[in-house]
Each structure stands twice: as C-alpha cells, then as structure tokens.
Amino acid sequence: MRDDDLILRAATEADFPRVAEALRDWWRQPGFDTELAIRERVAMVPRLWLQHFASTSLIAEVGPQLWGFLVGFVSADRPDEGYIHFVGVWPGARRSGVGRMMYTRFFEACRARGCARVRCVASPQNTLSVAFHQGLGFTVEPGPAVGPGGPFVPDYDGPGIPRVRFVRPL
C-alpha cells in the first residue's frame, strides 16, 4: 500500500454496518472467535457510537475496503481527556501502520479540543494490545492485580470483566 492509497476520515452513521461486520469477522484467534465473544464484541459498539461520536471517531479505508476504525470521544465530564472506546484493524492491514495513524489522528483531534491526555482500556490477556499501546506512549495505570498484560483492575467493567487501564499525555 502507498500512503496516498489510504483514506483516513471521520466516521459517519452510514459506516455502522461495515464496522459491525468487522466486529464479527476480524478477531479469528482462540478465545476471540467464540459465538459468545463475537456477540459481546458487537454489543460493545452499537450504532449509537456512530450517531453521537462520529466526529471524533475514524474510518480507515483503501478504495472500498475497510482497513480500520477507531471509536473515541472527548469526555463531557472530563473535558481535558479523550477516550478511545474501541479500535479494529483488518487482519490484512495489521502491521501496516494504519492503527498508529488512527491513534495519531485521534491525538491531534483531542489536542485541538484542549485535551491533556487520552485514556483507554484492554483485556489483561490481550498482550498484543497492551504492547501496542505501550509502543504508542501509553502507560499502564496501577491496578490491584497483575496478569500477563501487567497490572489490571478485576471487575472493572462488571463482574468477571477485568481491564488494563492506560493513560497517555498529549
């Protein structure tokens, strides 16, 4: 791929069907491809995210092919913080730099809106995500438990749903 082939743009509600399809299809590895995991993943990004946070969410595409998406926003209650809710990169585009490009564009949008930092979370067992975030300058925040991805908070997103918490200054 040449850099000029990739289009990185704000999301719209019309992107929802492709994002929902990606949520079902892009995670094909043990533990992430069970029917339960697929339903949970799709439920994490309902249409409302692209209805209410489209201007701060991103779509990456080459021609008609969706290469990635980032769903994020500037917090209404913490206006100095941006938050990345969910990111996906098409398996055929992983390691192409598209994830880094989406994060960089999101950081720029947050800076322009007066944010001082960006936060996000990941599953402690998703060590690839933990390493990716650390490579982008995120710090793992302290947590009462430690797992393969480092410190995490048990039950962070509900009973039995632990999360590694990240923060990155802008």
Foldseek 3Di string as FASTA:
>chain_A
DDPVQKDKAFAALVCVVVVLVCLQPQDPDPPCNDPVNSVVSSVQDDSVLRVPQRRLKMWIDGVVRTFKIWRKAQDPVRNQEIETRDIDGHPVCPPVCPVVVRVVVSVVVSVVSNHFKYKYKDAQVPLVVLVVCVVSAKDFDAAPDQDNSGHWHAQPVHHRGIITMIMHTD
